[in-house]
Amino acid sequence: MEPAYAEIAQAVREQPGTLVSSLIEQRYGRRIAEIRQEICACTLTDPALLQALQLPAGTAALKIIRRYLDAAGHAFEVSVTLHPADRFSVSLRLTHAGGNGDAGA
């Protein structure tokens, strides 16, 4: 998060169910135009994190990095979340948008 938004931490504590990006938009008028998300596998090794999550060293996890960009393409918030392998799953539903299915159409 940009240093200019450091005071938003207090608002996050006061409104735990509200998205940080929504608080930034409300207070500063900066709106999300795009979110770029990267998902990769990793191994958890940080002792403090392992203790907090009650996990053994070397636990497999997914790391999700989200970059929140404004209309000018500047990232103003970045979040990194770690999900132990046995505590996270992804389910997608993809539907065909129409057309005749021809690759060249």
PDB file of N, CA and C in Angstrom:
ATOM      1  N   MET A   1       0.851  -1.164   0.000  1.00  0.00           N
ATOM      2  CA  MET A   1       0.000   0.000   0.000  1.00  0.00           C
ATOM      3  C   MET A   1       0.901   1.231   0.000  1.00  0.00           C
ATOM      4  N   GLU A   2       0.476   2.249  -0.692  1.00  0.00           N
ATOM      5  CA  GLU A   2       1.250   3.482  -0.735  1.00  0.00           C
ATOM      6  C   GLU A   2       1.351   4.094   0.655  1.00  0.00           C
ATOM      7  N   PRO A   3       2.511   4.685   0.987  1.00  0.00           N
ATOM      8  CA  PRO A   3       2.686   5.311   2.301  1.00  0.00           C
ATOM      9  C   PRO A   3       1.628   6.368   2.614  1.00  0.00           C
ATOM     10  N   ALA A   4       1.108   7.030   1.607  1.00  0.00           N
ATOM     11  CA  ALA A   4       0.087   8.064   1.826  1.00  0.00           C
ATOM     12  C   ALA A   4      -1.174   7.487   2.461  1.00  0.00           C
ATOM     13  N   TYR A   5      -1.359   6.170   2.342  1.00  0.00           N
ATOM     14  CA  TYR A   5      -2.558   5.529   2.879  1.00  0.00           C
ATOM     15  C   TYR A   5      -2.301   4.828   4.210  1.00  0.00           C
ATOM     16  N   ALA A   6      -1.187   5.116   4.850  1.00  0.00           N
ATOM     17  CA  ALA A   6      -0.818   4.432   6.092  1.00  0.00           C
ATOM     18  C   ALA A   6      -1.889   4.561   7.166  1.00  0.00           C
ATOM     19  N   GLU A   7      -2.557   5.691   7.213  1.00  0.00           N
ATOM     20  CA  GLU A   7      -3.576   5.895   8.248  1.00  0.00           C
ATOM     21  C   GLU A   7      -4.805   5.012   8.048  1.00  0.00           C
ATOM     22  N   ILE A   8      -4.915   4.377   6.914  1.00  0.00           N
ATOM     23  CA  ILE A   8      -6.075   3.533   6.643  1.00  0.00           C
ATOM     24  C   ILE A   8      -6.097   2.314   7.568  1.00  0.00           C
ATOM     25  N   ALA A   9      -4.948   1.967   8.139  1.00  0.00           N
ATOM     26  CA  ALA A   9      -4.870   0.808   9.036  1.00  0.00           C
ATOM     27  C   ALA A   9      -5.852   0.927  10.193  1.00  0.00           C
ATOM     28  N   GLN A  10      -6.013   2.126  10.730  1.00  0.00           N
ATOM     29  CA  GLN A  10      -6.965   2.327  11.824  1.00  0.00           C
ATOM     30  C   GLN A  10      -8.393   2.059  11.347  1.00  0.00           C
ATOM     31  N   ALA A  11      -8.725   2.519  10.164  1.00  0.00           N
ATOM     32  CA  ALA A  11     -10.066   2.290   9.613  1.00  0.00           C
ATOM     33  C   ALA A  11     -10.306   0.801   9.386  1.00  0.00           C
ATOM     34  N   VAL A  12      -9.272   0.075   8.986  1.00  0.00           N
ATOM     35  CA  VAL A  12      -9.395  -1.371   8.776  1.00  0.00           C
ATOM     36  C   VAL A  12      -9.723  -2.061  10.099  1.00  0.00           C
ATOM     37  N   ARG A  13      -9.059  -1.631  11.170  1.00  0.00           N
ATOM     38  CA  ARG A  13      -9.347  -2.212  12.490  1.00  0.00           C
ATOM     39  C   ARG A  13     -10.765  -1.885  12.948  1.00  0.00           C
ATOM     40  N   GLU A  14     -11.234  -0.688  12.628  1.00  0.00           N
ATOM     41  CA  GLU A  14     -12.574  -0.261  13.036  1.00  0.00           C
ATOM     42  C   GLU A  14     -13.674  -0.896  12.186  1.00  0.00           C
ATOM     43  N   GLN A  15     -13.348  -1.254  10.939  1.00  0.00           N
ATOM     44  CA  GLN A  15     -14.331  -1.824  10.006  1.00  0.00           C
ATOM     45  C   GLN A  15     -13.768  -3.112   9.392  1.00  0.00           C
ATOM     46  N   PRO A  16     -13.612  -4.159  10.184  1.00  0.00           N
ATOM     47  CA  PRO A  16     -12.936  -5.365   9.697  1.00  0.00           C
ATOM     48  C   PRO A  16     -13.617  -6.069   8.525  1.00  0.00           C
ATOM     49  N   GLY A  17     -14.884  -5.839   8.306  1.00  0.00           N
ATOM     50  CA  GLY A  17     -15.579  -6.486   7.200  1.00  0.00           C
ATOM     51  C   GLY A  17     -15.531  -5.714   5.898  1.00  0.00           C
ATOM     52  N   THR A  18     -14.865  -4.556   5.903  1.00  0.00           N
ATOM     53  CA  THR A  18     -14.814  -3.700   4.719  1.00  0.00           C
ATOM     54  C   THR A  18     -13.502  -3.911   3.977  1.00  0.00           C
ATOM     55  N   LEU A  19     -13.557  -3.997   2.668  1.00  0.00           N
ATOM     56  CA  LEU A  19     -12.348  -4.149   1.861  1.00  0.00           C
ATOM     57  C   LEU A  19     -11.454  -2.922   2.001  1.00  0.00           C
ATOM     58  N   VAL A  20     -10.155  -3.147   2.068  1.00  0.00           N
ATOM     59  CA  VAL A  20      -9.201  -2.040   2.153  1.00  0.00           C
ATOM     60  C   VAL A  20      -9.359  -1.131   0.939  1.00  0.00           C
ATOM     61  N   SER A  21      -9.540  -1.719  -0.231  1.00  0.00           N
ATOM     62  CA  SER A  21      -9.694  -0.915  -1.446  1.00  0.00           C
ATOM     63  C   SER A  21     -10.936  -0.034  -1.375  1.00  0.00           C
ATOM     64  N   SER A  22     -11.999  -0.511  -0.737  1.00  0.00           N
ATOM     65  CA  SER A  22     -13.210   0.307  -0.575  1.00  0.00           C
ATOM     66  C   SER A  22     -12.947   1.479   0.355  1.00  0.00           C
ATOM     67  N   LEU A  23     -12.184   1.246   1.415  1.00  0.00           N
ATOM     68  CA  LEU A  23     -11.839   2.335   2.338  1.00  0.00           C
ATOM     69  C   LEU A  23     -10.982   3.387   1.640  1.00  0.00           C
ATOM     70  N   ILE A  24     -10.052   2.937   0.810  1.00  0.00           N
ATOM     71  CA  ILE A  24      -9.211   3.875   0.063  1.00  0.00           C
ATOM     72  C   ILE A  24     -10.070   4.698  -0.887  1.00  0.00           C
ATOM     73  N   GLU A  25     -11.004   4.044  -1.554  1.00  0.00           N
ATOM     74  CA  GLU A  25     -11.882   4.782  -2.472  1.00  0.00           C
ATOM     75  C   GLU A  25     -12.735   5.798  -1.712  1.00  0.00           C
ATOM     76  N   GLN A  26     -13.296   5.402  -0.582  1.00  0.00           N
ATOM     77  CA  GLN A  26     -14.135   6.308   0.210  1.00  0.00           C
ATOM     78  C   GLN A  26     -13.352   7.516   0.710  1.00  0.00           C
ATOM     79  N   ARG A  27     -12.133   7.284   1.193  1.00  0.00           N
ATOM     80  CA  ARG A  27     -11.351   8.368   1.804  1.00  0.00           C
ATOM     81  C   ARG A  27     -10.564   9.205   0.806  1.00  0.00           C
ATOM     82  N   TYR A  28     -10.084   8.553  -0.262  1.00  0.00           N
ATOM     83  CA  TYR A  28      -9.170   9.245  -1.170  1.00  0.00           C
ATOM     84  C   TYR A  28      -9.682   9.339  -2.607  1.00  0.00           C
ATOM     85  N   GLY A  29     -10.781   8.682  -2.904  1.00  0.00           N
ATOM     86  CA  GLY A  29     -11.349   8.752  -4.244  1.00  0.00           C
ATOM     87  C   GLY A  29     -10.611   7.945  -5.289  1.00  0.00           C
ATOM     88  N   ARG A  30      -9.716   7.083  -4.870  1.00  0.00           N
ATOM     89  CA  ARG A  30      -8.950   6.272  -5.818  1.00  0.00           C
ATOM     90  C   ARG A  30      -9.670   4.943  -6.019  1.00  0.00           C
ATOM     91  N   ARG A  31     -10.090   4.695  -7.237  1.00  0.00           N
ATOM     92  CA  ARG A  31     -10.919   3.533  -7.555  1.00  0.00           C
ATOM     93  C   ARG A  31     -10.105   2.464  -8.287  1.00  0.00           C
ATOM     94  N   ILE A  32     -10.434   1.232  -8.016  1.00  0.00           N
ATOM     95  CA  ILE A  32      -9.797   0.109  -8.705  1.00  0.00           C
ATOM     96  C   ILE A  32     -10.313   0.042 -10.137  1.00  0.00           C
ATOM     97  N   ALA A  33      -9.383   0.008 -11.084  1.00  0.00           N
ATOM     98  CA  ALA A  33      -9.743  -0.183 -12.486  1.00  0.00           C
ATOM     99  C   ALA A  33      -9.413  -1.612 -12.922  1.00  0.00           C
ATOM    100  N   GLU A  34      -8.423  -2.201 -12.254  1.00  0.00           N
ATOM    101  CA  GLU A  34      -7.965  -3.534 -12.642  1.00  0.00           C
ATOM    102  C   GLU A  34      -7.308  -4.197 -11.442  1.00  0.00           C
ATOM    103  N   ILE A  35      -7.480  -5.505 -11.346  1.00  0.00           N
ATOM    104  CA  ILE A  35      -6.769  -6.292 -10.339  1.00  0.00           C
ATOM    105  C   ILE A  35      -5.976  -7.345 -11.089  1.00  0.00           C
ATOM    106  N   ARG A  36      -4.683  -7.392 -10.820  1.00  0.00           N
ATOM    107  CA  ARG A  36      -3.826  -8.422 -11.408  1.00  0.00           C
ATOM    108  C   ARG A  36      -3.518  -9.428 -10.305  1.00  0.00           C
ATOM    109  N   GLN A  37      -3.757 -10.673 -10.593  1.00  0.00           N
ATOM    110  CA  GLN A  37      -3.589 -11.718  -9.588  1.00  0.00           C
ATOM    111  C   GLN A  37      -2.601 -12.759 -10.077  1.00  0.00           C
ATOM    112  N   GLU A  38      -1.673 -13.111  -9.211  1.00  0.00           N
ATOM    113  CA  GLU A  38      -0.681 -14.138  -9.501  1.00  0.00           C
ATOM    114  C   GLU A  38      -0.822 -15.221  -8.438  1.00  0.00           C
ATOM    115  N   ILE A  39      -0.906 -16.473  -8.858  1.00  0.00           N
ATOM    116  CA  ILE A  39      -1.028 -17.594  -7.932  1.00  0.00           C
ATOM    117  C   ILE A  39       0.133 -18.540  -8.201  1.00  0.00           C
ATOM    118  N   CYS A  40       0.864 -18.883  -7.149  1.00  0.00           N
ATOM    119  CA  CYS A  40       1.983 -19.805  -7.310  1.00  0.00           C
ATOM    120  C   CYS A  40       2.098 -20.714  -6.086  1.00  0.00           C
ATOM    121  N   ALA A  41       2.699 -21.865  -6.301  1.00  0.00           N
ATOM    122  CA  ALA A  41       2.953 -22.792  -5.205  1.00  0.00           C
ATOM    123  C   ALA A  41       4.193 -22.334  -4.452  1.00  0.00           C
ATOM    124  N   CYS A  42       4.207 -22.582  -3.148  1.00  0.00           N
ATOM    125  CA  CYS A  42       5.379 -22.248  -2.348  1.00  0.00           C
ATOM    126  C   CYS A  42       5.460 -23.204  -1.160  1.00  0.00           C
ATOM    127  N   THR A  43       6.542 -23.098  -0.430  1.00  0.00           N
ATOM    128  CA  THR A  43       6.748 -23.871   0.786  1.00  0.00           C
ATOM    129  C   THR A  43       6.851 -22.893   1.938  1.00  0.00           C
ATOM    130  N   LEU A  44       6.104 -23.124   2.995  1.00  0.00           N
ATOM    131  CA  LEU A  44       6.127 -22.227   4.148  1.00  0.00           C
ATOM    132  C   LEU A  44       7.334 -22.545   5.023  1.00  0.00           C
ATOM    133  N   THR A  45       8.145 -21.508   5.283  1.00  0.00           N
ATOM    134  CA  THR A  45       9.363 -21.697   6.072  1.00  0.00           C
ATOM    135  C   THR A  45       9.514 -20.696   7.207  1.00  0.00           C
ATOM    136  N   ASP A  46       8.727 -19.627   7.209  1.00  0.00           N
ATOM    137  CA  ASP A  46       8.848 -18.595   8.239  1.00  0.00           C
ATOM    138  C   ASP A  46       8.401 -19.161   9.591  1.00  0.00           C
ATOM    139  N   PRO A  47       9.299 -19.218  10.582  1.00  0.00           N
ATOM    140  CA  PRO A  47       8.958 -19.819  11.874  1.00  0.00           C
ATOM    141  C   PRO A  47       7.759 -19.167  12.567  1.00  0.00           C
ATOM    142  N   ALA A  48       7.668 -17.848  12.520  1.00  0.00           N
ATOM    143  CA  ALA A  48       6.554 -17.154  13.180  1.00  0.00           C
ATOM    144  C   ALA A  48       5.228 -17.504  12.509  1.00  0.00           C
ATOM    145  N   LEU A  49       5.227 -17.547  11.191  1.00  0.00           N
ATOM    146  CA  LEU A  49       4.017 -17.892  10.448  1.00  0.00           C
ATOM    147  C   LEU A  49       3.610 -19.341  10.711  1.00  0.00           C
ATOM    148  N   LEU A  50       4.590 -20.232  10.690  1.00  0.00           N
ATOM    149  CA  LEU A  50       4.307 -21.645  10.952  1.00  0.00           C
ATOM    150  C   LEU A  50       3.713 -21.843  12.342  1.00  0.00           C
ATOM    151  N   GLN A  51       4.254 -21.122  13.311  1.00  0.00           N
ATOM    152  CA  GLN A  51       3.734 -21.231  14.674  1.00  0.00           C
ATOM    153  C   GLN A  51       2.311 -20.677  14.758  1.00  0.00           C
ATOM    154  N   ALA A  52       2.085 -19.519  14.144  1.00  0.00           N
ATOM    155  CA  ALA A  52       0.755 -18.898  14.189  1.00  0.00           C
ATOM    156  C   ALA A  52      -0.301 -19.785  13.534  1.00  0.00           C
ATOM    157  N   LEU A  53       0.087 -20.472  12.466  1.00  0.00           N
ATOM    158  CA  LEU A  53      -0.851 -21.333  11.744  1.00  0.00           C
ATOM    159  C   LEU A  53      -0.836 -22.782  12.238  1.00  0.00           C
ATOM    160  N   GLN A  54       0.038 -23.053  13.202  1.00  0.00           N
ATOM    161  CA  GLN A  54       0.184 -24.397  13.770  1.00  0.00           C
ATOM    162  C   GLN A  54       0.476 -25.423  12.682  1.00  0.00           C
ATOM    163  N   LEU A  55       1.543 -25.134  11.925  1.00  0.00           N
ATOM    164  CA  LEU A  55       1.927 -25.993  10.809  1.00  0.00           C
ATOM    165  C   LEU A  55       3.380 -26.423  10.947  1.00  0.00           C
ATOM    166  N   PRO A  56       3.739 -27.583  10.393  1.00  0.00           N
ATOM    167  CA  PRO A  56       5.143 -27.994  10.390  1.00  0.00           C
ATOM    168  C   PRO A  56       5.927 -27.275   9.285  1.00  0.00           C
ATOM    169  N   ALA A  57       7.218 -27.141   9.485  1.00  0.00           N
ATOM    170  CA  ALA A  57       8.081 -26.527   8.473  1.00  0.00           C
ATOM    171  C   ALA A  57       7.986 -27.327   7.177  1.00  0.00           C
ATOM    172  N   GLY A  58       8.022 -26.619   6.068  1.00  0.00           N
ATOM    173  CA  GLY A  58       7.974 -27.270   4.766  1.00  0.00           C
ATOM    174  C   GLY A  58       6.580 -27.533   4.243  1.00  0.00           C
ATOM    175  N   THR A  59       5.559 -27.016   4.923  1.00  0.00           N
ATOM    176  CA  THR A  59       4.182 -27.204   4.468  1.00  0.00           C
ATOM    177  C   THR A  59       3.978 -26.538   3.108  1.00  0.00           C
ATOM    178  N   ALA A  60       3.351 -27.252   2.190  1.00  0.00           N
ATOM    179  CA  ALA A  60       3.042 -26.698   0.866  1.00  0.00           C
ATOM    180  C   ALA A  60       1.890 -25.701   0.984  1.00  0.00           C
ATOM    181  N   ALA A  61       1.941 -24.672   0.157  1.00  0.00           N
ATOM    182  CA  ALA A  61       0.903 -23.638   0.201  1.00  0.00           C
ATOM    183  C   ALA A  61       0.758 -22.985  -1.163  1.00  0.00           C
ATOM    184  N   LEU A  62      -0.323 -22.233  -1.296  1.00  0.00           N
ATOM    185  CA  LEU A  62      -0.500 -21.355  -2.449  1.00  0.00           C
ATOM    186  C   LEU A  62      -0.263 -19.933  -1.986  1.00  0.00           C
ATOM    187  N   LYS A  63       0.507 -19.204  -2.767  1.00  0.00           N
ATOM    188  CA  LYS A  63       0.723 -17.780  -2.494  1.00  0.00           C
ATOM    189  C   LYS A  63      -0.043 -17.006  -3.551  1.00  0.00           C
ATOM    190  N   ILE A  64      -0.896 -16.096  -3.085  1.00  0.00           N
ATOM    191  CA  ILE A  64      -1.682 -15.272  -4.000  1.00  0.00           C
ATOM    192  C   ILE A  64      -1.266 -13.824  -3.815  1.00  0.00           C
ATOM    193  N   ILE A  65      -0.802 -13.223  -4.900  1.00  0.00           N
ATOM    194  CA  ILE A  65      -0.409 -11.811  -4.888  1.00  0.00           C
ATOM    195  C   ILE A  65      -1.411 -11.059  -5.752  1.00  0.00           C
ATOM    196  N   ARG A  66      -2.034 -10.047  -5.163  1.00  0.00           N
ATOM    197  CA  ARG A  66      -2.992  -9.219  -5.908  1.00  0.00           C
ATOM    198  C   ARG A  66      -2.472  -7.796  -5.942  1.00  0.00           C
ATOM    199  N   ARG A  67      -2.470  -7.232  -7.136  1.00  0.00           N
ATOM    200  CA  ARG A  67      -2.082  -5.836  -7.328  1.00  0.00           C
ATOM    201  C   ARG A  67      -3.310  -5.071  -7.789  1.00  0.00           C
ATOM    202  N   TYR A  68      -3.664  -4.049  -7.031  1.00  0.00           N
ATOM    203  CA  TYR A  68      -4.849  -3.237  -7.325  1.00  0.00           C
ATOM    204  C   TYR A  68      -4.377  -1.989  -8.053  1.00  0.00           C
ATOM    205  N   LEU A  69      -4.832  -1.821  -9.298  1.00  0.00           N
ATOM    206  CA  LEU A  69      -4.384  -0.722 -10.140  1.00  0.00           C
ATOM    207  C   LEU A  69      -5.496   0.291 -10.355  1.00  0.00           C
ATOM    208  N   ASP A  70      -5.088   1.559 -10.460  1.00  0.00           N
ATOM    209  CA  ASP A  70      -6.052   2.613 -10.775  1.00  0.00           C
ATOM    210  C   ASP A  70      -6.162   2.748 -12.295  1.00  0.00           C
ATOM    211  N   ALA A  71      -6.939   3.710 -12.751  1.00  0.00           N
ATOM    212  CA  ALA A  71      -7.180   3.885 -14.188  1.00  0.00           C
ATOM    213  C   ALA A  71      -5.906   4.207 -14.964  1.00  0.00           C
ATOM    214  N   ALA A  72      -4.907   4.788 -14.286  1.00  0.00           N
ATOM    215  CA  ALA A  72      -3.641   5.111 -14.941  1.00  0.00           C
ATOM    216  C   ALA A  72      -2.688   3.916 -14.969  1.00  0.00           C
ATOM    217  N   GLY A  73      -3.106   2.799 -14.374  1.00  0.00           N
ATOM    218  CA  GLY A  73      -2.261   1.607 -14.367  1.00  0.00           C
ATOM    219  C   GLY A  73      -1.274   1.543 -13.225  1.00  0.00           C
ATOM    220  N   HIS A  74      -1.435   2.422 -12.225  1.00  0.00           N
ATOM    221  CA  HIS A  74      -0.523   2.448 -11.079  1.00  0.00           C
ATOM    222  C   HIS A  74      -1.068   1.573  -9.953  1.00  0.00           C
ATOM    223  N   ALA A  75      -0.217   0.704  -9.418  1.00  0.00           N
ATOM    224  CA  ALA A  75      -0.618  -0.132  -8.282  1.00  0.00           C
ATOM    225  C   ALA A  75      -0.623   0.728  -7.025  1.00  0.00           C
ATOM    226  N   PHE A  76      -1.762   0.757  -6.335  1.00  0.00           N
ATOM    227  CA  PHE A  76      -1.833   1.538  -5.102  1.00  0.00           C
ATOM    228  C   PHE A  76      -2.079   0.665  -3.879  1.00  0.00           C
ATOM    229  N   GLU A  77      -2.316  -0.614  -4.115  1.00  0.00           N
ATOM    230  CA  GLU A  77      -2.452  -1.579  -3.022  1.00  0.00           C
ATOM    231  C   GLU A  77      -1.969  -2.922  -3.537  1.00  0.00           C
ATOM    232  N   VAL A  78      -1.231  -3.634  -2.707  1.00  0.00           N
ATOM    233  CA  VAL A  78      -0.765  -4.977  -3.039  1.00  0.00           C
ATOM    234  C   VAL A  78      -1.041  -5.863  -1.838  1.00  0.00           C
ATOM    235  N   SER A  79      -1.640  -7.017  -2.074  1.00  0.00           N
ATOM    236  CA  SER A  79      -1.862  -7.957  -0.978  1.00  0.00           C
ATOM    237  C   SER A  79      -1.181  -9.280  -1.307  1.00  0.00           C
ATOM    238  N   VAL A  80      -0.633  -9.892  -0.271  1.00  0.00           N
ATOM    239  CA  VAL A  80      -0.014 -11.207  -0.396  1.00  0.00           C
ATOM    240  C   VAL A  80      -0.683 -12.104   0.635  1.00  0.00           C
ATOM    241  N   THR A  81      -1.284 -13.190   0.178  1.00  0.00           N
ATOM    242  CA  THR A  81      -1.908 -14.132   1.101  1.00  0.00           C
ATOM    243  C   THR A  81      -1.314 -15.515   0.879  1.00  0.00           C
ATOM    244  N   LEU A  82      -1.156 -16.231   1.971  1.00  0.00           N
ATOM    245  CA  LEU A  82      -0.618 -17.584   1.934  1.00  0.00           C
ATOM    246  C   LEU A  82      -1.694 -18.542   2.421  1.00  0.00           C
ATOM    247  N   HIS A  83      -1.935 -19.592   1.645  1.00  0.00           N
ATOM    248  CA  HIS A  83      -2.979 -20.562   1.961  1.00  0.00           C
ATOM    249  C   HIS A  83      -2.363 -21.955   2.030  1.00  0.00           C
ATOM    250  N   PRO A  84      -2.260 -22.543   3.231  1.00  0.00           N
ATOM    251  CA  PRO A  84      -1.752 -23.914   3.328  1.00  0.00           C
ATOM    252  C   PRO A  84      -2.566 -24.843   2.427  1.00  0.00           C
ATOM    253  N   ALA A  85      -1.881 -25.797   1.818  1.00  0.00           N
ATOM    254  CA  ALA A  85      -2.497 -26.654   0.800  1.00  0.00           C
ATOM    255  C   ALA A  85      -3.766 -27.355   1.273  1.00  0.00           C
ATOM    256  N   ASP A  86      -3.805 -27.770   2.527  1.00  0.00           N
ATOM    257  CA  ASP A  86      -4.975 -28.520   2.997  1.00  0.00           C
ATOM    258  C   ASP A  86      -6.107 -27.623   3.491  1.00  0.00           C
ATOM    259  N   ARG A  87      -5.948 -26.304   3.336  1.00  0.00           N
ATOM    260  CA  ARG A  87      -6.965 -25.368   3.822  1.00  0.00           C
ATOM    261  C   ARG A  87      -7.515 -24.462   2.726  1.00  0.00           C
ATOM    262  N   PHE A  88      -7.274 -24.817   1.484  1.00  0.00           N
ATOM    263  CA  PHE A  88      -7.678 -23.928   0.395  1.00  0.00           C
ATOM    264  C   PHE A  88      -7.981 -24.752  -0.846  1.00  0.00           C
ATOM    265  N   SER A  89      -9.008 -24.366  -1.555  1.00  0.00           N
ATOM    266  CA  SER A  89      -9.289 -24.982  -2.848  1.00  0.00           C
ATOM    267  C   SER A  89      -9.868 -23.918  -3.769  1.00  0.00           C
ATOM    268  N   VAL A  90      -9.741 -24.155  -5.047  1.00  0.00           N
ATOM    269  CA  VAL A  90     -10.275 -23.245  -6.054  1.00  0.00           C
ATOM    270  C   VAL A  90     -11.243 -24.035  -6.918  1.00  0.00           C
ATOM    271  N   SER A  91     -12.383 -23.446  -7.186  1.00  0.00           N
ATOM    272  CA  SER A  91     -13.368 -24.065  -8.062  1.00  0.00           C
ATOM    273  C   SER A  91     -13.797 -23.017  -9.082  1.00  0.00           C
ATOM    274  N   LEU A  92     -13.726 -23.350 -10.342  1.00  0.00           N
ATOM    275  CA  LEU A  92     -14.094 -22.427 -11.407  1.00  0.00           C
ATOM    276  C   LEU A  92     -15.225 -23.016 -12.231  1.00  0.00           C
ATOM    277  N   ARG A  93     -16.061 -22.137 -12.731  1.00  0.00           N
ATOM    278  CA  ARG A  93     -17.094 -22.547 -13.677  1.00  0.00           C
ATOM    279  C   ARG A  93     -16.909 -21.692 -14.922  1.00  0.00           C
ATOM    280  N   LEU A  94     -16.669 -22.333 -16.034  1.00  0.00           N
ATOM    281  CA  LEU A  94     -16.463 -21.638 -17.294  1.00  0.00           C
ATOM    282  C   LEU A  94     -17.636 -21.945 -18.203  1.00  0.00           C
ATOM    283  N   THR A  95     -18.198 -20.922 -18.801  1.00  0.00           N
ATOM    284  CA  THR A  95     -19.306 -21.130 -19.725  1.00  0.00           C
ATOM    285  C   THR A  95     -18.949 -20.546 -21.080  1.00  0.00           C
ATOM    286  N   HIS A  96     -19.455 -21.169 -22.104  1.00  0.00           N
ATOM    287  CA  HIS A  96     -19.210 -20.711 -23.466  1.00  0.00           C
ATOM    288  C   HIS A  96     -20.050 -19.466 -23.718  1.00  0.00           C
ATOM    289  N   ALA A  97     -19.439 -18.447 -24.268  1.00  0.00           N
ATOM    290  CA  ALA A  97     -20.123 -17.169 -24.468  1.00  0.00           C
ATOM    291  C   ALA A  97     -20.947 -17.126 -25.751  1.00  0.00           C
ATOM    292  N   GLY A  98     -20.908 -18.151 -26.537  1.00  0.00           N
ATOM    293  CA  GLY A  98     -21.666 -18.158 -27.785  1.00  0.00           C
ATOM    294  C   GLY A  98     -20.757 -18.411 -28.967  1.00  0.00           C
ATOM    295  N   GLY A  99     -21.258 -18.174 -30.142  1.00  0.00           N
ATOM    296  CA  GLY A  99     -20.478 -18.436 -31.344  1.00  0.00           C
ATOM    297  C   GLY A  99     -20.648 -19.880 -31.773  1.00  0.00           C
ATOM    298  N   ASN A 100     -19.983 -20.232 -32.870  1.00  0.00           N
ATOM    299  CA  ASN A 100     -20.167 -21.576 -33.415  1.00  0.00           C
ATOM    300  C   ASN A 100     -19.040 -22.528 -33.055  1.00  0.00           C
ATOM    301  N   GLY A 101     -18.072 -22.070 -32.282  1.00  0.00           N
ATOM    302  CA  GLY A 101     -16.994 -22.943 -31.853  1.00  0.00           C
ATOM    303  C   GLY A 101     -15.835 -23.032 -32.817  1.00  0.00           C
ATOM    304  N   ASP A 102     -15.912 -22.362 -33.976  1.00  0.00           N
ATOM    305  CA  ASP A 102     -14.812 -22.374 -34.938  1.00  0.00           C
ATOM    306  C   ASP A 102     -13.697 -21.467 -34.449  1.00  0.00           C
ATOM    307  N   ALA A 103     -12.471 -21.977 -34.463  1.00  0.00           N
ATOM    308  CA  ALA A 103     -11.330 -21.195 -34.008  1.00  0.00           C
ATOM    309  C   ALA A 103     -11.093 -19.973 -34.883  1.00  0.00           C
ATOM    310  N   GLY A 104     -11.404 -20.064 -36.161  1.00  0.00           N
ATOM    311  CA  GLY A 104     -11.149 -18.952 -37.067  1.00  0.00           C
ATOM    312  C   GLY A 104     -12.299 -17.973 -37.191  1.00  0.00           C
ATOM    313  N   ALA A 105     -13.366 -18.210 -36.496  1.00  0.00           N
ATOM    314  CA  ALA A 105     -14.561 -17.365 -36.651  1.00  0.00           C
ATOM    315  C   ALA A 105     -14.427 -16.045 -35.949  1.00  0.00           C
TER     316      ALA A 105
END
